[in-house]
N, C-alpha and C. Protein backbone atom coordinates (compact mmCIF):
# COMPACT_ATOMS: atom_id res chain seq x y z
N MET A 1 0.86 -1.20 0.00
CA MET A 1 0.00 0.00 0.00
C MET A 1 0.88 1.24 0.00
N LEU A 2 0.51 2.19 -0.87
CA LEU A 2 1.29 3.41 -0.95
C LEU A 2 0.64 4.48 -0.08
N LEU A 3 1.44 5.13 0.77
CA LEU A 3 0.93 6.14 1.68
C LEU A 3 1.42 7.50 1.26
N SER A 4 0.58 8.52 1.40
CA SER A 4 1.00 9.88 1.10
C SER A 4 0.89 10.71 2.37
N THR A 5 1.79 11.67 2.50
CA THR A 5 1.82 12.51 3.70
C THR A 5 1.28 13.89 3.35
N ARG A 6 0.29 14.36 4.11
CA ARG A 6 -0.29 15.68 3.86
C ARG A 6 0.52 16.73 4.63
N CYS A 7 0.78 17.85 3.97
CA CYS A 7 1.50 18.93 4.63
C CYS A 7 1.15 20.24 3.93
N ARG A 8 1.71 21.32 4.44
CA ARG A 8 1.46 22.64 3.88
C ARG A 8 -0.04 22.90 3.73
N GLY A 9 -0.74 22.88 4.84
CA GLY A 9 -2.16 23.18 4.79
C GLY A 9 -2.95 22.09 4.11
N SER A 10 -2.60 20.83 4.39
CA SER A 10 -3.31 19.66 3.87
C SER A 10 -3.17 19.51 2.36
N LYS A 11 -2.21 20.18 1.75
CA LYS A 11 -1.96 20.00 0.32
C LYS A 11 -0.94 18.88 0.13
N ILE A 12 -1.12 18.10 -0.95
CA ILE A 12 -0.20 17.02 -1.24
C ILE A 12 0.84 17.51 -2.24
N LEU A 13 2.09 17.32 -1.91
CA LEU A 13 3.16 17.73 -2.81
C LEU A 13 3.13 16.86 -4.07
N PRO A 14 3.56 17.42 -5.24
CA PRO A 14 3.56 16.64 -6.49
C PRO A 14 4.29 15.32 -6.35
N SER A 15 5.40 15.30 -5.61
CA SER A 15 6.16 14.06 -5.48
C SER A 15 5.46 13.03 -4.62
N GLN A 16 4.41 13.48 -3.85
CA GLN A 16 3.70 12.56 -2.97
C GLN A 16 2.36 12.13 -3.54
N GLN A 17 1.94 12.72 -4.63
CA GLN A 17 0.69 12.34 -5.27
C GLN A 17 0.84 10.97 -5.93
N GLU A 18 -0.28 10.29 -6.12
CA GLU A 18 -0.25 9.02 -6.83
C GLU A 18 -0.35 9.32 -8.32
N HIS A 19 0.56 8.75 -9.08
CA HIS A 19 0.60 8.95 -10.52
C HIS A 19 0.24 7.65 -11.23
N SER A 20 -0.14 7.77 -12.50
CA SER A 20 -0.57 6.61 -13.27
C SER A 20 0.18 6.52 -14.58
N LEU A 21 0.41 5.29 -15.03
CA LEU A 21 1.15 5.04 -16.26
C LEU A 21 0.56 3.82 -16.96
N VAL A 22 0.33 3.97 -18.26
CA VAL A 22 -0.12 2.83 -19.07
C VAL A 22 1.08 2.29 -19.83
N ILE A 23 1.27 0.97 -19.76
CA ILE A 23 2.39 0.31 -20.42
C ILE A 23 1.86 -0.78 -21.34
N THR A 24 2.40 -0.85 -22.55
CA THR A 24 2.12 -1.94 -23.47
C THR A 24 3.43 -2.62 -23.81
N ALA A 25 3.48 -3.93 -23.61
CA ALA A 25 4.66 -4.73 -23.97
C ALA A 25 4.26 -5.71 -25.07
N LEU A 26 5.04 -5.73 -26.13
CA LEU A 26 4.74 -6.60 -27.28
C LEU A 26 5.99 -7.37 -27.66
N GLY A 27 5.84 -8.69 -27.82
CA GLY A 27 7.00 -9.49 -28.20
C GLY A 27 6.64 -10.94 -28.37
N VAL A 28 7.65 -11.75 -28.71
CA VAL A 28 7.44 -13.18 -28.89
C VAL A 28 7.22 -13.83 -27.53
N ASP A 29 6.19 -14.66 -27.45
CA ASP A 29 5.86 -15.31 -26.20
C ASP A 29 6.89 -16.39 -25.85
N ARG A 30 7.24 -16.45 -24.59
CA ARG A 30 8.11 -17.52 -24.09
C ARG A 30 7.92 -17.63 -22.58
N PRO A 31 8.21 -18.80 -22.01
CA PRO A 31 7.95 -19.02 -20.59
C PRO A 31 8.65 -17.99 -19.70
N GLY A 32 7.93 -17.51 -18.70
CA GLY A 32 8.52 -16.63 -17.70
C GLY A 32 8.53 -15.16 -18.04
N ILE A 33 8.11 -14.78 -19.25
CA ILE A 33 8.25 -13.39 -19.66
C ILE A 33 7.28 -12.48 -18.91
N VAL A 34 6.05 -12.96 -18.68
CA VAL A 34 5.09 -12.14 -17.95
C VAL A 34 5.53 -11.96 -16.50
N ASN A 35 6.04 -13.03 -15.91
CA ASN A 35 6.52 -12.94 -14.53
C ASN A 35 7.69 -11.96 -14.42
N ALA A 36 8.56 -11.96 -15.43
CA ALA A 36 9.70 -11.04 -15.41
C ALA A 36 9.22 -9.59 -15.44
N ILE A 37 8.18 -9.31 -16.22
CA ILE A 37 7.66 -7.94 -16.32
C ILE A 37 7.02 -7.53 -15.00
N THR A 38 6.14 -8.37 -14.47
CA THR A 38 5.44 -8.02 -13.23
C THR A 38 6.41 -7.91 -12.06
N ARG A 39 7.46 -8.73 -12.05
CA ARG A 39 8.46 -8.64 -10.98
C ARG A 39 9.20 -7.31 -11.05
N HIS A 40 9.51 -6.86 -12.27
CA HIS A 40 10.20 -5.58 -12.42
C HIS A 40 9.29 -4.43 -12.00
N VAL A 41 8.00 -4.53 -12.33
CA VAL A 41 7.05 -3.50 -11.91
C VAL A 41 7.02 -3.40 -10.38
N SER A 42 6.97 -4.54 -9.72
CA SER A 42 6.93 -4.55 -8.25
C SER A 42 8.23 -4.01 -7.65
N SER A 43 9.36 -4.35 -8.27
CA SER A 43 10.64 -3.88 -7.74
C SER A 43 10.79 -2.37 -7.83
N CYS A 44 10.04 -1.76 -8.74
CA CYS A 44 10.08 -0.30 -8.87
C CYS A 44 9.10 0.39 -7.91
N GLY A 45 8.31 -0.40 -7.19
CA GLY A 45 7.38 0.17 -6.23
C GLY A 45 6.04 0.56 -6.81
N CYS A 46 5.69 0.01 -7.99
CA CYS A 46 4.42 0.34 -8.63
C CYS A 46 3.38 -0.74 -8.38
N ASN A 47 2.12 -0.33 -8.40
CA ASN A 47 1.01 -1.26 -8.28
C ASN A 47 0.37 -1.48 -9.64
N ILE A 48 -0.02 -2.70 -9.96
CA ILE A 48 -0.76 -3.00 -11.19
C ILE A 48 -2.24 -2.85 -10.89
N GLU A 49 -2.86 -1.78 -11.40
CA GLU A 49 -4.27 -1.52 -11.15
C GLU A 49 -5.18 -2.31 -12.07
N ASP A 50 -4.72 -2.51 -13.30
CA ASP A 50 -5.53 -3.23 -14.29
C ASP A 50 -4.57 -3.81 -15.32
N SER A 51 -4.95 -4.91 -15.95
CA SER A 51 -4.06 -5.51 -16.95
C SER A 51 -4.84 -6.37 -17.92
N ARG A 52 -4.30 -6.52 -19.12
CA ARG A 52 -4.87 -7.38 -20.16
C ARG A 52 -3.73 -8.09 -20.85
N LEU A 53 -3.91 -9.36 -21.17
CA LEU A 53 -2.91 -10.13 -21.89
C LEU A 53 -3.59 -10.86 -23.03
N ALA A 54 -2.98 -10.84 -24.20
CA ALA A 54 -3.56 -11.52 -25.36
C ALA A 54 -2.46 -12.14 -26.21
N MET A 55 -2.76 -13.30 -26.79
CA MET A 55 -1.86 -13.96 -27.72
C MET A 55 -2.34 -13.68 -29.14
N LEU A 56 -1.43 -13.16 -29.97
CA LEU A 56 -1.75 -12.83 -31.36
C LEU A 56 -0.71 -13.49 -32.25
N GLY A 57 -1.06 -14.66 -32.81
CA GLY A 57 -0.08 -15.43 -33.56
C GLY A 57 1.01 -15.90 -32.62
N LYS A 58 2.28 -15.65 -32.98
CA LYS A 58 3.40 -16.00 -32.11
C LYS A 58 3.72 -14.89 -31.12
N GLU A 59 3.03 -13.78 -31.24
CA GLU A 59 3.30 -12.63 -30.38
C GLU A 59 2.33 -12.60 -29.20
N PHE A 60 2.75 -11.94 -28.14
CA PHE A 60 1.84 -11.67 -27.04
C PHE A 60 1.89 -10.18 -26.75
N THR A 61 0.79 -9.66 -26.28
CA THR A 61 0.76 -8.25 -25.87
C THR A 61 0.23 -8.18 -24.45
N PHE A 62 0.88 -7.40 -23.64
CA PHE A 62 0.56 -7.27 -22.22
C PHE A 62 0.36 -5.79 -21.93
N ILE A 63 -0.85 -5.41 -21.54
CA ILE A 63 -1.18 -4.02 -21.26
C ILE A 63 -1.45 -3.87 -19.77
N MET A 64 -0.85 -2.87 -19.15
CA MET A 64 -1.01 -2.65 -17.72
C MET A 64 -1.27 -1.19 -17.43
N LEU A 65 -2.10 -0.96 -16.43
CA LEU A 65 -2.27 0.37 -15.85
C LEU A 65 -1.59 0.33 -14.49
N LEU A 66 -0.55 1.14 -14.34
CA LEU A 66 0.22 1.17 -13.10
C LEU A 66 -0.08 2.43 -12.31
N SER A 67 0.06 2.32 -11.00
CA SER A 67 -0.04 3.49 -10.14
C SER A 67 1.13 3.47 -9.17
N GLY A 68 1.51 4.64 -8.73
CA GLY A 68 2.62 4.73 -7.79
C GLY A 68 3.01 6.17 -7.56
N SER A 69 3.98 6.36 -6.68
CA SER A 69 4.49 7.70 -6.41
C SER A 69 5.23 8.24 -7.63
N TRP A 70 5.53 9.52 -7.58
CA TRP A 70 6.29 10.13 -8.70
C TRP A 70 7.61 9.40 -8.89
N ASN A 71 8.28 9.09 -7.80
CA ASN A 71 9.58 8.40 -7.88
C ASN A 71 9.43 7.02 -8.50
N ALA A 72 8.39 6.29 -8.08
CA ALA A 72 8.20 4.93 -8.59
C ALA A 72 7.89 4.93 -10.08
N ILE A 73 7.00 5.83 -10.52
CA ILE A 73 6.65 5.90 -11.94
C ILE A 73 7.85 6.34 -12.77
N THR A 74 8.60 7.32 -12.27
CA THR A 74 9.79 7.79 -12.99
C THR A 74 10.83 6.68 -13.09
N LEU A 75 10.95 5.88 -12.03
CA LEU A 75 11.92 4.80 -12.04
C LEU A 75 11.59 3.76 -13.10
N ILE A 76 10.31 3.39 -13.19
CA ILE A 76 9.97 2.37 -14.18
C ILE A 76 10.03 2.93 -15.60
N GLU A 77 9.76 4.23 -15.75
CA GLU A 77 9.90 4.85 -17.07
C GLU A 77 11.34 4.80 -17.55
N SER A 78 12.27 4.92 -16.64
CA SER A 78 13.69 4.98 -17.02
C SER A 78 14.33 3.60 -17.14
N THR A 79 13.75 2.59 -16.46
CA THR A 79 14.39 1.28 -16.45
C THR A 79 13.70 0.24 -17.32
N LEU A 80 12.39 0.38 -17.56
CA LEU A 80 11.68 -0.66 -18.31
C LEU A 80 12.13 -0.77 -19.76
N PRO A 81 12.45 0.35 -20.47
CA PRO A 81 12.92 0.19 -21.86
C PRO A 81 14.16 -0.70 -21.96
N LEU A 82 15.10 -0.56 -21.03
CA LEU A 82 16.29 -1.40 -21.04
C LEU A 82 15.93 -2.85 -20.73
N LYS A 83 15.03 -3.04 -19.76
CA LYS A 83 14.58 -4.38 -19.42
C LYS A 83 13.85 -5.01 -20.61
N GLY A 84 13.05 -4.20 -21.30
CA GLY A 84 12.35 -4.70 -22.47
C GLY A 84 13.31 -5.09 -23.58
N ALA A 85 14.37 -4.30 -23.77
CA ALA A 85 15.36 -4.62 -24.80
C ALA A 85 16.04 -5.94 -24.50
N GLU A 86 16.30 -6.21 -23.22
CA GLU A 86 16.92 -7.48 -22.83
C GLU A 86 16.01 -8.66 -23.17
N MET A 87 14.68 -8.44 -23.10
CA MET A 87 13.73 -9.51 -23.37
C MET A 87 13.18 -9.45 -24.80
N GLU A 88 13.76 -8.54 -25.62
CA GLU A 88 13.34 -8.37 -27.01
C GLU A 88 11.86 -8.00 -27.10
N LEU A 89 11.48 -7.04 -26.28
CA LEU A 89 10.11 -6.56 -26.23
C LEU A 89 10.02 -5.13 -26.74
N LEU A 90 8.94 -4.83 -27.43
CA LEU A 90 8.63 -3.45 -27.79
C LEU A 90 7.80 -2.87 -26.66
N ILE A 91 8.29 -1.78 -26.05
CA ILE A 91 7.63 -1.17 -24.90
C ILE A 91 7.10 0.21 -25.28
N VAL A 92 5.83 0.45 -24.98
CA VAL A 92 5.22 1.76 -25.18
C VAL A 92 4.64 2.20 -23.84
N MET A 93 4.94 3.44 -23.44
CA MET A 93 4.47 3.96 -22.15
C MET A 93 3.82 5.32 -22.34
N LYS A 94 2.79 5.58 -21.53
CA LYS A 94 2.11 6.87 -21.59
C LYS A 94 1.56 7.21 -20.22
N ARG A 95 1.88 8.41 -19.75
CA ARG A 95 1.32 8.90 -18.49
C ARG A 95 -0.18 9.13 -18.67
N THR A 96 -0.93 8.87 -17.61
CA THR A 96 -2.36 9.10 -17.66
C THR A 96 -2.82 9.56 -16.29
N GLU A 97 -4.12 9.72 -16.13
CA GLU A 97 -4.69 10.12 -14.86
C GLU A 97 -5.83 9.18 -14.51
N SER A 98 -5.89 8.78 -13.27
CA SER A 98 -7.01 7.95 -12.84
C SER A 98 -8.24 8.82 -12.70
N GLN A 99 -9.38 8.26 -13.03
CA GLN A 99 -10.62 9.01 -12.92
C GLN A 99 -11.77 8.06 -12.62
N ALA A 100 -12.74 8.60 -11.93
CA ALA A 100 -13.92 7.80 -11.61
C ALA A 100 -14.71 7.53 -12.88
N ARG A 101 -15.12 6.30 -13.06
CA ARG A 101 -15.89 5.95 -14.24
C ARG A 101 -17.32 6.46 -14.09
N PRO A 102 -17.86 7.07 -15.16
CA PRO A 102 -19.25 7.54 -15.08
C PRO A 102 -20.19 6.35 -14.94
N PRO A 103 -21.36 6.55 -14.36
CA PRO A 103 -22.30 5.43 -14.20
C PRO A 103 -22.74 4.91 -15.56
N MET A 104 -22.77 3.60 -15.68
CA MET A 104 -23.22 2.93 -16.90
C MET A 104 -24.36 2.00 -16.53
N PRO A 105 -25.60 2.47 -16.59
CA PRO A 105 -26.73 1.69 -16.08
C PRO A 105 -27.08 0.45 -16.90
N SER A 106 -26.52 0.31 -18.11
CA SER A 106 -26.86 -0.84 -18.94
C SER A 106 -25.60 -1.50 -19.48
N THR A 107 -25.62 -2.82 -19.53
CA THR A 107 -24.52 -3.59 -20.10
C THR A 107 -25.08 -4.63 -21.06
N VAL A 108 -24.38 -4.81 -22.18
CA VAL A 108 -24.80 -5.77 -23.19
C VAL A 108 -23.64 -6.72 -23.48
N TRP A 109 -23.94 -8.01 -23.50
CA TRP A 109 -22.95 -9.03 -23.89
C TRP A 109 -23.46 -9.72 -25.14
N VAL A 110 -22.60 -9.88 -26.13
CA VAL A 110 -22.98 -10.64 -27.32
C VAL A 110 -21.90 -11.67 -27.65
N LYS A 111 -22.33 -12.79 -28.21
CA LYS A 111 -21.44 -13.82 -28.74
C LYS A 111 -21.90 -14.15 -30.14
N VAL A 112 -20.95 -14.26 -31.05
CA VAL A 112 -21.28 -14.49 -32.45
C VAL A 112 -20.35 -15.54 -33.04
N GLU A 113 -20.91 -16.39 -33.88
CA GLU A 113 -20.12 -17.39 -34.62
C GLU A 113 -20.61 -17.39 -36.06
N LEU A 114 -19.66 -17.22 -36.99
CA LEU A 114 -20.04 -17.17 -38.40
C LEU A 114 -18.82 -17.42 -39.28
N ALA A 115 -19.09 -17.65 -40.57
CA ALA A 115 -18.00 -17.83 -41.53
C ALA A 115 -17.21 -16.52 -41.64
N ASP A 116 -15.90 -16.63 -41.60
CA ASP A 116 -15.05 -15.44 -41.61
C ASP A 116 -15.05 -14.78 -42.97
N SER A 117 -15.09 -13.45 -42.96
CA SER A 117 -14.98 -12.65 -44.18
C SER A 117 -14.64 -11.22 -43.76
N PRO A 118 -14.15 -10.40 -44.71
CA PRO A 118 -13.75 -9.03 -44.35
C PRO A 118 -14.92 -8.19 -43.82
N HIS A 119 -14.62 -7.25 -42.95
CA HIS A 119 -15.55 -6.23 -42.45
C HIS A 119 -16.60 -6.77 -41.48
N ILE A 120 -16.49 -8.04 -41.05
CA ILE A 120 -17.50 -8.59 -40.16
C ILE A 120 -17.49 -7.89 -38.81
N ILE A 121 -16.32 -7.78 -38.19
CA ILE A 121 -16.24 -7.15 -36.86
C ILE A 121 -16.73 -5.71 -36.92
N GLU A 122 -16.41 -5.04 -38.02
CA GLU A 122 -16.85 -3.65 -38.19
C GLU A 122 -18.37 -3.54 -38.15
N ARG A 123 -19.07 -4.53 -38.71
CA ARG A 123 -20.53 -4.47 -38.73
C ARG A 123 -21.10 -4.52 -37.31
N PHE A 124 -20.49 -5.32 -36.45
CA PHE A 124 -21.01 -5.43 -35.08
C PHE A 124 -20.60 -4.23 -34.23
N THR A 125 -19.40 -3.71 -34.41
CA THR A 125 -19.02 -2.51 -33.66
C THR A 125 -19.88 -1.32 -34.08
N ALA A 126 -20.26 -1.28 -35.37
CA ALA A 126 -21.13 -0.20 -35.86
C ALA A 126 -22.51 -0.28 -35.22
N LEU A 127 -22.95 -1.50 -34.93
CA LEU A 127 -24.26 -1.67 -34.28
C LEU A 127 -24.25 -1.01 -32.91
N PHE A 128 -23.19 -1.24 -32.14
CA PHE A 128 -23.11 -0.63 -30.81
C PHE A 128 -22.95 0.88 -30.91
N ASP A 129 -22.20 1.33 -31.88
CA ASP A 129 -22.02 2.77 -32.07
C ASP A 129 -23.35 3.44 -32.40
N ALA A 130 -24.16 2.77 -33.20
CA ALA A 130 -25.46 3.33 -33.58
C ALA A 130 -26.38 3.47 -32.37
N HIS A 131 -26.15 2.66 -31.33
CA HIS A 131 -26.96 2.74 -30.12
C HIS A 131 -26.23 3.50 -29.01
N HIS A 132 -25.18 4.23 -29.40
CA HIS A 132 -24.45 5.12 -28.48
C HIS A 132 -23.91 4.36 -27.27
N MET A 133 -23.33 3.19 -27.54
CA MET A 133 -22.77 2.38 -26.47
C MET A 133 -21.25 2.39 -26.54
N ASN A 134 -20.60 2.26 -25.38
CA ASN A 134 -19.15 2.20 -25.30
C ASN A 134 -18.69 0.75 -25.22
N ILE A 135 -17.87 0.32 -26.18
CA ILE A 135 -17.37 -1.04 -26.16
C ILE A 135 -16.25 -1.15 -25.13
N ALA A 136 -16.45 -2.01 -24.14
CA ALA A 136 -15.47 -2.18 -23.06
C ALA A 136 -14.52 -3.33 -23.34
N GLU A 137 -14.98 -4.33 -24.07
CA GLU A 137 -14.14 -5.49 -24.35
C GLU A 137 -14.56 -6.12 -25.67
N LEU A 138 -13.58 -6.42 -26.49
CA LEU A 138 -13.84 -7.08 -27.77
C LEU A 138 -12.80 -8.19 -27.95
N VAL A 139 -13.29 -9.41 -28.08
CA VAL A 139 -12.41 -10.56 -28.30
C VAL A 139 -12.85 -11.25 -29.58
N SER A 140 -11.93 -11.48 -30.48
CA SER A 140 -12.25 -12.20 -31.72
C SER A 140 -11.16 -13.22 -32.00
N LYS A 141 -11.56 -14.33 -32.56
CA LYS A 141 -10.61 -15.39 -32.90
C LYS A 141 -11.10 -16.11 -34.14
N THR A 142 -10.18 -16.40 -35.06
CA THR A 142 -10.52 -17.10 -36.29
C THR A 142 -10.02 -18.53 -36.23
N GLN A 143 -10.94 -19.46 -36.46
CA GLN A 143 -10.59 -20.87 -36.55
C GLN A 143 -10.25 -21.18 -38.00
N PRO A 144 -9.03 -21.62 -38.29
CA PRO A 144 -8.63 -21.86 -39.69
C PRO A 144 -9.56 -22.84 -40.39
N ALA A 145 -9.62 -22.70 -41.70
CA ALA A 145 -10.46 -23.57 -42.51
C ALA A 145 -9.93 -24.99 -42.50
N THR A 146 -10.84 -25.93 -42.54
CA THR A 146 -10.49 -27.34 -42.66
C THR A 146 -11.12 -27.89 -43.92
N SER A 147 -10.82 -29.12 -44.24
CA SER A 147 -11.35 -29.71 -45.48
C SER A 147 -12.88 -29.69 -45.46
N GLY A 148 -13.43 -28.99 -46.42
CA GLY A 148 -14.88 -28.91 -46.52
C GLY A 148 -15.54 -27.89 -45.64
N HIS A 149 -14.78 -27.19 -44.79
CA HIS A 149 -15.36 -26.19 -43.89
C HIS A 149 -14.56 -24.89 -43.99
N PRO A 150 -15.25 -23.76 -44.20
CA PRO A 150 -14.54 -22.48 -44.27
C PRO A 150 -14.04 -22.05 -42.90
N SER A 151 -13.17 -21.05 -42.87
CA SER A 151 -12.69 -20.52 -41.59
C SER A 151 -13.85 -19.89 -40.83
N THR A 152 -13.82 -20.04 -39.53
CA THR A 152 -14.91 -19.57 -38.67
C THR A 152 -14.42 -18.46 -37.76
N LEU A 153 -15.23 -17.41 -37.63
CA LEU A 153 -14.89 -16.27 -36.78
C LEU A 153 -15.77 -16.30 -35.53
N TYR A 154 -15.12 -16.20 -34.36
CA TYR A 154 -15.83 -16.12 -33.10
C TYR A 154 -15.62 -14.72 -32.52
N ILE A 155 -16.70 -14.09 -32.09
CA ILE A 155 -16.64 -12.72 -31.56
C ILE A 155 -17.37 -12.67 -30.22
N GLN A 156 -16.75 -11.98 -29.26
CA GLN A 156 -17.40 -11.67 -27.99
C GLN A 156 -17.23 -10.18 -27.73
N ILE A 157 -18.32 -9.51 -27.41
CA ILE A 157 -18.27 -8.07 -27.17
C ILE A 157 -19.03 -7.75 -25.89
N THR A 158 -18.44 -6.90 -25.07
CA THR A 158 -19.11 -6.34 -23.90
C THR A 158 -19.18 -4.83 -24.10
N ALA A 159 -20.36 -4.26 -23.94
CA ALA A 159 -20.54 -2.83 -24.15
C ALA A 159 -21.41 -2.25 -23.05
N HIS A 160 -21.17 -0.97 -22.75
CA HIS A 160 -21.93 -0.28 -21.71
C HIS A 160 -22.65 0.92 -22.31
N SER A 161 -23.78 1.24 -21.71
CA SER A 161 -24.56 2.39 -22.15
C SER A 161 -24.68 3.39 -21.02
N PRO A 162 -24.47 4.70 -21.30
CA PRO A 162 -24.62 5.72 -20.26
C PRO A 162 -26.08 5.97 -19.89
N GLU A 163 -27.01 5.36 -20.62
CA GLU A 163 -28.43 5.51 -20.33
C GLU A 163 -29.07 4.12 -20.26
N THR A 164 -30.16 4.01 -19.55
CA THR A 164 -30.87 2.75 -19.49
C THR A 164 -31.30 2.34 -20.89
N LEU A 165 -30.95 1.12 -21.26
CA LEU A 165 -31.13 0.67 -22.64
C LEU A 165 -32.42 -0.11 -22.78
N ASN A 166 -33.10 0.13 -23.88
CA ASN A 166 -34.33 -0.61 -24.20
C ASN A 166 -33.94 -1.86 -24.98
N GLY A 167 -33.95 -3.01 -24.30
CA GLY A 167 -33.57 -4.26 -24.95
C GLY A 167 -34.43 -4.60 -26.14
N ALA A 168 -35.68 -4.11 -26.14
CA ALA A 168 -36.59 -4.40 -27.25
C ALA A 168 -36.16 -3.71 -28.54
N ILE A 169 -35.19 -2.80 -28.44
CA ILE A 169 -34.71 -2.11 -29.64
C ILE A 169 -33.41 -2.73 -30.14
N ILE A 170 -32.43 -2.91 -29.24
CA ILE A 170 -31.14 -3.42 -29.70
C ILE A 170 -31.17 -4.92 -29.99
N GLU A 171 -31.98 -5.67 -29.27
CA GLU A 171 -32.00 -7.11 -29.50
C GLU A 171 -32.49 -7.46 -30.91
N PRO A 172 -33.62 -6.91 -31.38
CA PRO A 172 -34.04 -7.21 -32.76
C PRO A 172 -33.01 -6.74 -33.79
N ALA A 173 -32.35 -5.60 -33.54
CA ALA A 173 -31.34 -5.11 -34.47
C ALA A 173 -30.16 -6.07 -34.53
N PHE A 174 -29.78 -6.63 -33.37
CA PHE A 174 -28.68 -7.60 -33.34
C PHE A 174 -29.06 -8.87 -34.10
N HIS A 175 -30.23 -9.40 -33.83
CA HIS A 175 -30.64 -10.64 -34.49
C HIS A 175 -30.84 -10.43 -36.00
N GLN A 176 -31.29 -9.24 -36.39
CA GLN A 176 -31.42 -8.95 -37.82
C GLN A 176 -30.06 -8.96 -38.49
N LEU A 177 -29.05 -8.39 -37.81
CA LEU A 177 -27.70 -8.39 -38.37
C LEU A 177 -27.16 -9.81 -38.47
N CYS A 178 -27.42 -10.63 -37.45
CA CYS A 178 -26.98 -12.02 -37.49
C CYS A 178 -27.63 -12.77 -38.66
N THR A 179 -28.92 -12.51 -38.87
CA THR A 179 -29.62 -13.16 -39.99
C THR A 179 -29.02 -12.72 -41.32
N GLU A 180 -28.73 -11.44 -41.44
CA GLU A 180 -28.15 -10.90 -42.67
C GLU A 180 -26.79 -11.52 -42.97
N LEU A 181 -26.01 -11.77 -41.91
CA LEU A 181 -24.65 -12.28 -42.08
C LEU A 181 -24.58 -13.81 -41.95
N HIS A 182 -25.75 -14.45 -41.80
CA HIS A 182 -25.81 -15.91 -41.63
C HIS A 182 -24.96 -16.34 -40.43
N ALA A 183 -25.17 -15.62 -39.32
CA ALA A 183 -24.39 -15.87 -38.12
C ALA A 183 -25.26 -16.45 -37.02
N GLN A 184 -24.65 -17.23 -36.13
CA GLN A 184 -25.30 -17.68 -34.92
C GLN A 184 -24.86 -16.76 -33.79
N GLY A 185 -25.82 -16.16 -33.13
CA GLY A 185 -25.44 -15.19 -32.11
C GLY A 185 -26.39 -15.18 -30.93
N SER A 186 -25.90 -14.70 -29.80
CA SER A 186 -26.72 -14.54 -28.60
C SER A 186 -26.43 -13.18 -28.00
N ILE A 187 -27.43 -12.60 -27.37
CA ILE A 187 -27.29 -11.28 -26.77
C ILE A 187 -27.96 -11.27 -25.41
N SER A 188 -27.34 -10.57 -24.46
CA SER A 188 -27.90 -10.43 -23.12
C SER A 188 -27.82 -8.97 -22.73
N VAL A 189 -28.94 -8.41 -22.31
CA VAL A 189 -29.02 -7.01 -21.90
C VAL A 189 -29.38 -6.94 -20.42
N VAL A 190 -28.57 -6.23 -19.65
CA VAL A 190 -28.84 -6.08 -18.21
C VAL A 190 -28.92 -4.60 -17.88
N ASN A 191 -30.01 -4.19 -17.27
CA ASN A 191 -30.18 -2.82 -16.78
C ASN A 191 -30.07 -2.83 -15.27
N TYR A 192 -29.14 -2.04 -14.75
CA TYR A 192 -28.92 -1.97 -13.31
C TYR A 192 -29.80 -0.88 -12.71
N PRO A 193 -30.42 -1.14 -11.56
CA PRO A 193 -31.28 -0.12 -10.93
C PRO A 193 -30.46 1.09 -10.53
N GLN A 194 -31.00 2.25 -10.80
CA GLN A 194 -30.34 3.51 -10.44
C GLN A 194 -31.04 4.08 -9.22
N HIS A 195 -30.28 4.30 -8.14
CA HIS A 195 -30.86 4.78 -6.89
C HIS A 195 -30.75 6.30 -6.85
N GLU A 196 -31.90 6.94 -6.83
CA GLU A 196 -31.93 8.41 -6.76
C GLU A 196 -31.95 8.82 -5.29
N GLU A 197 -31.23 9.93 -5.01
CA GLU A 197 -31.20 10.43 -3.64
C GLU A 197 -32.55 11.04 -3.26
N LYS A 198 -33.01 10.69 -2.07
CA LYS A 198 -34.27 11.24 -1.59
C LYS A 198 -34.04 12.62 -0.99
N ASP A 199 -35.08 13.42 -1.00
CA ASP A 199 -34.99 14.76 -0.42
C ASP A 199 -34.63 14.66 1.05
N GLY A 200 -33.70 15.47 1.45
CA GLY A 200 -33.30 15.50 2.84
C GLY A 200 -32.18 14.55 3.17
N GLU A 201 -31.72 13.74 2.17
CA GLU A 201 -30.63 12.81 2.42
C GLU A 201 -29.35 13.33 1.80
């Protein structure tokens, strides 16, 4: 746990504030590489707030959101490129700021399976865009063609809406798109109750 000391009239000095850094590591997958990265992050005094790992062909990509003091973030900024070079990794870093996520009262999950062809994923992302939804996660994988069977594309998408979503509108639009593309798909819409503050509270 990182502690900050308040001083000068309860103001936090820049060096004592918690800072954030996004890191992307890209390279050939091999045993122990993820552990080496996370161990180096810990040795610099940073916390991993969020992370994603994906295998793309022979490559892997590891994305992390780190938090830490100014000294800790500066240390990893100065040492990780050298560490990445030793492991033959492409490292990209960008300072960012943590922020509270706005309320998202609706979430939609979809799964799709269909014959692979160009522009398929774009058609489904456009569907969510048309309903003013933010895509939070998109996973796609292509199963290579076999004798007598074309290559198959599998898609999973999670999206959030800043407003309560009418499932009776997006669900028919999704199924219509699946029918048009000869796809097998499922959709789930969840609306979370929004608690309004009562007068006097």
